[in-house]
Protein backbone atom coordinates (compact mmCIF):
# COMPACT_ATOMS: atom_id res chain seq x y z
CA MET A 1 -5.45 -15.20 5.54
CA MET A 2 -4.97 -15.86 9.07
CA SER A 3 -3.92 -12.70 11.37
CA MET A 4 -1.20 -12.97 13.93
CA THR A 5 -1.78 -12.20 17.38
CA MET A 6 0.02 -9.15 18.99
CA GLU A 7 2.22 -11.69 20.89
CA GLU A 8 3.08 -13.66 17.57
CA ARG A 9 4.19 -10.32 16.01
CA GLU A 10 6.41 -9.28 19.11
CA LYS A 11 8.19 -12.57 18.87
CA TRP A 12 8.98 -12.08 15.18
CA PHE A 13 9.90 -8.51 15.73
CA GLU A 14 12.25 -9.47 18.78
CA ILE A 15 14.19 -11.93 16.31
CA LEU A 16 14.50 -9.20 13.82
CA GLU A 17 16.02 -6.95 16.53
CA LYS A 18 18.32 -9.67 17.85
CA THR A 19 19.74 -10.87 14.53
CA GLY A 20 19.91 -7.33 12.94
CA LYS A 21 22.28 -5.92 15.29
CA GLY A 22 25.35 -4.06 13.73
CA ARG A 23 23.18 -3.75 10.36
CA GLU A 24 22.91 0.11 10.45
CA ALA A 25 26.54 0.53 11.92
CA LYS A 26 27.92 -1.52 8.77
CA LEU A 27 26.05 0.68 6.43
CA ALA A 28 27.17 3.85 8.21
CA GLN A 29 30.73 2.84 7.87
CA ARG A 30 30.78 2.42 4.08
CA VAL A 31 32.49 5.09 1.87
CA ILE A 32 30.19 6.04 -0.89
CA PRO A 33 32.09 6.93 -4.17
CA LYS A 34 31.85 10.54 -4.93
CA ASP A 35 31.32 9.91 -8.62
CA TYR A 36 28.29 7.59 -7.67
CA CYS A 37 26.75 10.24 -5.72
CA GLN A 38 26.99 12.62 -8.37
CA TYR A 39 24.55 10.70 -10.51
CA MET A 40 21.81 12.48 -8.38
CA GLU A 41 22.99 15.92 -10.09
CA GLN A 42 22.18 14.41 -13.52
CA VAL A 43 18.34 13.68 -12.82
CA THR A 44 15.25 15.58 -11.88
CA ARG A 45 13.13 13.84 -9.18
CA GLU A 46 9.63 13.82 -8.54
CA GLU A 47 7.31 12.54 -5.98
CA ILE A 48 3.95 11.36 -6.85
CA GLN A 49 1.20 9.07 -5.09
CA ILE A 50 -0.82 6.55 -6.87
CA GLU A 51 -4.14 5.43 -5.55
CA VAL A 52 -4.57 1.48 -5.31
CA PRO A 53 -8.15 0.69 -5.20
CA ALA A 54 -7.56 -3.16 -4.61
CA VAL A 55 -6.15 -2.50 -1.03
CA GLY A 56 -7.23 1.09 -0.24
CA VAL A 57 -3.57 1.99 0.57
CA PRO A 58 -2.04 4.50 -1.73
CA VAL A 59 1.66 4.02 -2.90
CA ARG A 60 4.31 6.83 -2.86
CA CYS A 61 6.48 6.70 -5.87
CA ILE A 62 9.71 8.84 -6.67
CA ILE A 63 10.24 9.48 -10.42
CA SER A 64 14.00 10.01 -11.58
CA ARG A 65 14.07 11.50 -15.06
CA ALA A 66 17.60 11.65 -16.66
CA HIS A 67 18.52 15.37 -17.77
CA ASP A 68 19.44 13.86 -21.10
CA LYS A 69 16.32 11.84 -21.45
CA SER A 70 15.92 10.50 -25.03
CA GLU A 71 12.58 10.79 -27.02
CA ASN A 72 10.51 7.53 -26.37
CA CYS A 73 12.95 6.45 -23.81
CA PRO A 74 12.90 3.25 -21.63
CA VAL A 75 11.15 3.38 -18.40
CA HIS A 76 12.16 1.32 -15.63
CA ILE A 77 10.21 0.22 -12.34
CA ASN A 78 12.32 -0.29 -9.44
CA LEU A 79 11.32 -2.37 -6.18
CA HIS A 80 13.55 -1.92 -3.35
CA GLY A 81 14.78 -4.70 -1.03
CA GLY A 82 14.67 -5.17 2.50
CA GLY A 83 12.90 -8.17 3.69
CA PHE A 84 9.35 -6.54 2.77
CA ILE A 85 9.85 -4.66 6.26
CA PHE A 86 12.64 -2.08 5.54
CA LYS A 87 11.54 0.82 3.69
CA GLN A 88 12.66 2.84 0.46
CA ASP A 89 16.06 4.69 1.52
CA GLN A 90 18.90 6.88 0.06
CA ASP A 91 20.67 3.68 -1.21
CA ASP A 92 17.64 3.42 -3.75
CA ASP A 93 17.64 7.05 -4.29
CA TRP A 94 21.45 6.74 -5.73
CA TYR A 95 20.60 3.27 -7.68
CA CYS A 96 17.68 4.81 -9.27
CA ALA A 97 19.49 8.04 -10.23
CA HIS A 98 22.59 5.99 -11.58
CA ILE A 99 20.16 3.63 -13.85
CA ALA A 100 17.89 6.72 -15.04
CA ALA A 101 21.22 8.60 -16.30
CA GLY A 102 22.68 5.28 -17.67
CA ILE A 103 19.41 4.49 -19.72
CA HIS A 104 19.02 8.04 -20.60
CA GLY A 105 15.49 7.66 -19.47
CA ILE A 106 13.19 7.12 -16.47
CA VAL A 107 13.16 4.98 -13.41
CA ILE A 108 10.15 5.07 -11.03
CA ASP A 109 11.10 3.84 -7.20
CA VAL A 110 8.01 2.08 -5.67
CA ASP A 111 8.07 3.03 -1.95
CA TYR A 112 5.69 -0.07 -1.38
CA ALA A 113 4.06 -0.55 2.10
CA THR A 114 6.19 -2.80 4.27
CA SER A 115 5.20 -5.49 6.52
CA ASP A 116 5.45 -3.66 9.83
CA ASN A 117 1.98 -2.52 8.94
CA TYR A 118 0.78 -4.19 5.92
CA ALA A 119 1.23 -7.75 5.04
CA TYR A 120 0.64 -9.55 1.70
CA PRO A 121 -0.95 -8.64 -0.59
CA VAL A 122 -0.78 -4.83 -0.02
CA ALA A 123 2.82 -4.29 -1.63
CA PHE A 124 2.10 -6.83 -4.45
CA GLU A 125 -1.07 -4.92 -5.36
CA GLN A 126 0.67 -1.62 -5.01
CA SER A 127 3.35 -2.42 -7.20
CA TYR A 128 1.04 -4.09 -9.90
CA GLU A 129 -0.84 -0.95 -9.75
CA VAL A 130 2.24 1.19 -10.50
CA VAL A 131 3.09 -0.91 -13.48
CA ARG A 132 -0.56 -0.32 -14.69
CA TRP A 133 -0.14 3.42 -14.12
CA VAL A 134 3.18 3.57 -16.04
CA SER A 135 1.60 1.55 -19.04
CA ARG A 136 -1.26 4.01 -18.91
CA HIS A 137 0.94 7.18 -18.78
CA CYS A 138 3.84 6.46 -21.17
CA SER A 139 2.83 9.26 -23.49
CA ASP A 140 2.73 11.77 -20.92
CA LEU A 141 6.20 10.57 -19.33
CA GLY A 142 7.72 10.59 -22.88
CA ALA A 143 8.64 7.13 -22.75
CA ASP A 144 8.20 4.07 -25.14
CA PRO A 145 5.39 1.58 -24.04
CA GLN A 146 7.23 -1.08 -25.59
CA ARG A 147 10.17 -0.37 -23.38
CA ILE A 148 8.48 -0.97 -19.88
CA SER A 149 10.78 -2.93 -17.59
CA ILE A 150 10.59 -4.04 -13.87
CA GLY A 151 13.17 -4.98 -11.52
CA GLY A 152 13.95 -5.52 -7.94
CA HIS A 153 16.27 -6.65 -5.41
CA SER A 154 15.84 -9.37 -2.70
CA ALA A 155 12.10 -8.93 -1.48
CA GLY A 156 11.58 -6.28 -4.49
CA GLY A 157 13.11 -9.17 -6.56
CA CYS A 158 10.30 -11.44 -5.55
CA LEU A 159 7.60 -8.61 -6.20
CA ALA A 160 9.08 -8.17 -9.87
CA ALA A 161 9.00 -11.67 -10.56
CA ALA A 162 5.34 -12.17 -9.25
CA ILE A 163 4.28 -9.22 -11.00
CA SER A 164 5.69 -10.72 -14.11
CA LEU A 165 3.74 -13.88 -13.59
CA ARG A 166 0.53 -12.27 -13.12
CA ALA A 167 1.08 -9.93 -16.10
CA ALA A 168 1.53 -12.95 -18.15
CA LYS A 169 -1.75 -14.40 -16.88
CA GLU A 170 -3.85 -11.47 -17.03
CA LYS A 171 -2.31 -9.89 -20.16
CA ASP A 172 -3.40 -6.38 -18.83
CA ILE A 173 0.17 -4.87 -19.15
CA GLN A 174 3.28 -5.44 -21.18
CA ILE A 175 6.51 -5.84 -19.50
CA CYS A 176 9.81 -6.14 -21.77
CA LEU A 177 12.22 -7.12 -19.17
CA GLN A 178 12.29 -8.52 -15.70
CA ILE A 179 15.40 -8.00 -13.73
CA LEU A 180 15.58 -10.33 -10.47
CA ASP A 181 18.39 -9.07 -8.46
CA TYR A 182 19.36 -11.74 -5.75
CA ALA A 183 15.54 -12.13 -5.40
CA ALA A 184 13.92 -13.70 -2.42
CA ASN A 185 11.77 -16.12 -4.58
CA ASP A 186 11.17 -18.87 -2.13
CA ASN A 187 9.90 -17.25 1.32
CA TYR A 188 8.65 -20.91 2.55
CA ALA A 189 12.16 -22.37 2.48
CA PRO A 190 13.32 -20.45 5.69
CA LEU A 191 10.80 -22.62 7.70
CA LEU A 192 12.23 -25.75 6.81
CA ASP A 193 16.00 -24.49 8.22
CA GLU A 194 16.48 -23.82 11.83
CA LYS A 195 19.45 -21.76 10.93
CA GLN A 196 17.32 -19.24 9.10
CA GLU A 197 15.74 -17.59 11.97
CA ARG A 198 15.78 -14.11 10.54
CA SER A 199 14.50 -15.11 7.00
CA ARG A 200 11.70 -16.98 8.95
CA ALA A 201 10.55 -13.85 10.72
CA LEU A 202 10.59 -11.73 7.67
CA SER A 203 8.51 -14.50 6.01
CA MET A 204 5.92 -14.90 8.60
CA LEU A 205 5.48 -11.26 9.02
CA TYR A 206 4.96 -10.74 5.34
CA ALA A 207 2.52 -13.75 5.19
CA ASP A 208 0.72 -12.41 8.29
CA GLY A 209 1.45 -15.88 10.09
CA ASP A 210 -0.03 -17.88 7.41
CA ALA A 211 2.78 -20.39 6.63
CA GLU A 212 0.84 -22.09 3.47
CA LEU A 213 0.46 -18.45 2.06
CA LEU A 214 4.00 -18.56 1.45
CA LYS A 215 3.80 -21.58 -1.27
CA ASN A 216 1.41 -18.85 -3.17
CA PRO A 217 3.51 -18.15 -6.47
CA TYR A 218 2.72 -14.49 -6.08
CA VAL A 219 4.39 -14.81 -2.54
CA SER A 220 6.95 -17.17 -3.60
CA PRO A 221 7.73 -17.31 -7.24
CA ALA A 222 9.90 -20.37 -7.01
CA PHE A 223 6.40 -22.32 -6.57
CA ALA A 224 5.43 -21.36 -10.04
CA THR A 225 4.23 -23.95 -12.55
CA SER A 226 5.78 -24.12 -16.08
CA ASP A 227 2.36 -23.16 -17.42
CA MET A 228 2.58 -20.12 -15.56
CA MET A 229 5.65 -19.22 -17.03
CA HIS A 230 4.48 -18.97 -20.75
CA GLY A 231 4.41 -15.51 -21.86
CA LEU A 232 6.74 -14.41 -19.36
CA PRO A 233 9.26 -11.38 -20.46
CA ARG A 234 12.77 -12.08 -20.98
CA ALA A 235 14.70 -12.13 -17.66
CA LEU A 236 18.10 -10.98 -16.22
CA ILE A 237 18.87 -12.94 -13.17
CA ILE A 238 21.65 -11.59 -10.87
CA ASN A 239 22.95 -13.88 -8.33
CA ALA A 240 25.81 -13.71 -5.59
CA LYS A 241 27.58 -16.67 -4.65
CA ASN A 242 27.33 -15.82 -1.07
CA CYS A 243 23.54 -15.59 -1.03
CA PRO A 244 21.06 -17.93 0.43
CA PHE A 245 18.82 -17.47 -2.63
CA CYS A 246 21.61 -18.11 -5.24
CA HIS A 247 20.56 -21.77 -6.09
CA ILE A 248 17.01 -21.18 -5.90
CA ASN A 249 17.05 -18.39 -8.47
CA GLU A 250 19.25 -20.34 -10.86
CA SER A 251 16.67 -22.91 -10.50
CA TYR A 252 13.87 -20.54 -11.45
CA GLY A 253 15.84 -19.27 -14.40
CA MET A 254 16.15 -22.68 -15.74
CA LYS A 255 12.44 -23.28 -15.25
CA MET A 256 11.70 -20.03 -17.22
CA ILE A 257 14.14 -21.31 -19.76
CA GLU A 258 12.35 -24.71 -20.02
CA ALA A 259 9.08 -22.71 -20.55
CA GLY A 260 10.62 -20.94 -23.52
CA VAL A 261 11.69 -17.75 -21.85
CA GLU A 262 14.82 -16.04 -22.59
CA VAL A 263 17.04 -15.83 -19.58
CA LYS A 264 20.34 -14.40 -18.93
CA MET A 265 22.00 -15.27 -15.63
CA ARG A 266 25.10 -14.00 -13.82
CA ARG A 267 26.72 -15.12 -10.68
CA TYR A 268 29.01 -12.73 -8.95
CA ILE A 269 31.59 -14.94 -7.17
CA ASN A 270 32.81 -12.25 -5.03
CA SER A 271 29.48 -10.94 -3.56
CA ARG A 272 26.96 -11.49 -1.19
CA HIS A 273 23.39 -10.87 -0.84
CA GLY A 274 22.46 -6.92 -1.11
CA PHE A 275 25.54 -6.33 -2.92
CA THR A 276 24.27 -4.36 -5.98
CA VAL A 277 22.39 -1.50 -4.21
CA ARG A 278 24.48 -1.56 -0.76
CA LEU A 279 27.83 -0.84 -2.69
CA SER A 280 29.83 -4.15 -2.02
CA GLY A 281 31.64 -6.86 -4.04
CA GLU A 282 31.07 -6.54 -7.63
CA TRP A 283 28.27 -3.86 -7.49
CA ARG A 284 29.54 -1.64 -10.36
CA GLU A 285 29.55 -4.76 -12.71
CA ALA A 286 26.07 -5.52 -11.77
CA GLN A 287 24.55 -2.10 -12.16
CA ASN A 288 26.41 -1.65 -15.48
CA LEU A 289 25.02 -4.98 -16.51
CA ILE A 290 21.50 -3.92 -15.53
CA ILE A 291 21.81 -0.47 -17.61
CA ARG A 292 22.89 -2.47 -20.76
CA GLU A 293 20.11 -4.90 -20.42
CA ILE A 294 17.49 -2.20 -20.19
CA MET A 295 19.04 -0.35 -23.19
CA ASP A 296 19.30 -3.55 -25.08
CA VAL A 297 15.30 -3.51 -25.61
CA LYS A 298 14.58 -2.11 -28.93
């Protein structure tokens, strides 16, 4: 992997600053429903740190356990969004509490390293190691090893898809369900569109300036071949009509179907990228669908 110079990094960060004005203000203006906040009172939260020998950078995880956790419950691994550069935040805490309460089980939120300090493959290796850890500790967690699911949003959706591809190849862990929520599954595409200046900056920072790396299926799952898709877990693909990845992800879903994978796709026509966790558009419907899909694994 090539390494960006300081000048190149500064250029991409300047673009992010220029194109991201108003982001925090918009988030601060939201009114968070009281009933949604109350899910935090229905879970017990614990922070742990998992070592990641492949990259030497440990990863922080937050475990949310429902107070009414069932015996041999499902366990869901969540990978937050944010263009690989924004960190886990309170929106992720609320989301994980809701999912944990809804499935009467456990959600493990992965606070993976972001590309302001660590480029690929650090976040990918960290996230994969978390799935390995969960697989080994299901008995300690009181969870069913046959009901380990993984899901992610935007950049996290890309990680979830990439982890599922690797697990299907290596067969060292078993994932029963992948949830790809407006996943950033083609991080090379922004390099071909001058209008996608912000997305191009995010992609290049994640790839440490190596444009060709963005065609690697573990960086951009849209480049996965049909052969790589054999043996993938069933998938739920959530899309927003007003999302730049909408058609890319539906095409990815069709490729999985052609490879024999069970896939459910839903396009929310009154929503945009980021809606599920940022609480805009049809977010309640999307979160409830995720809960139903996780619970449907027997």
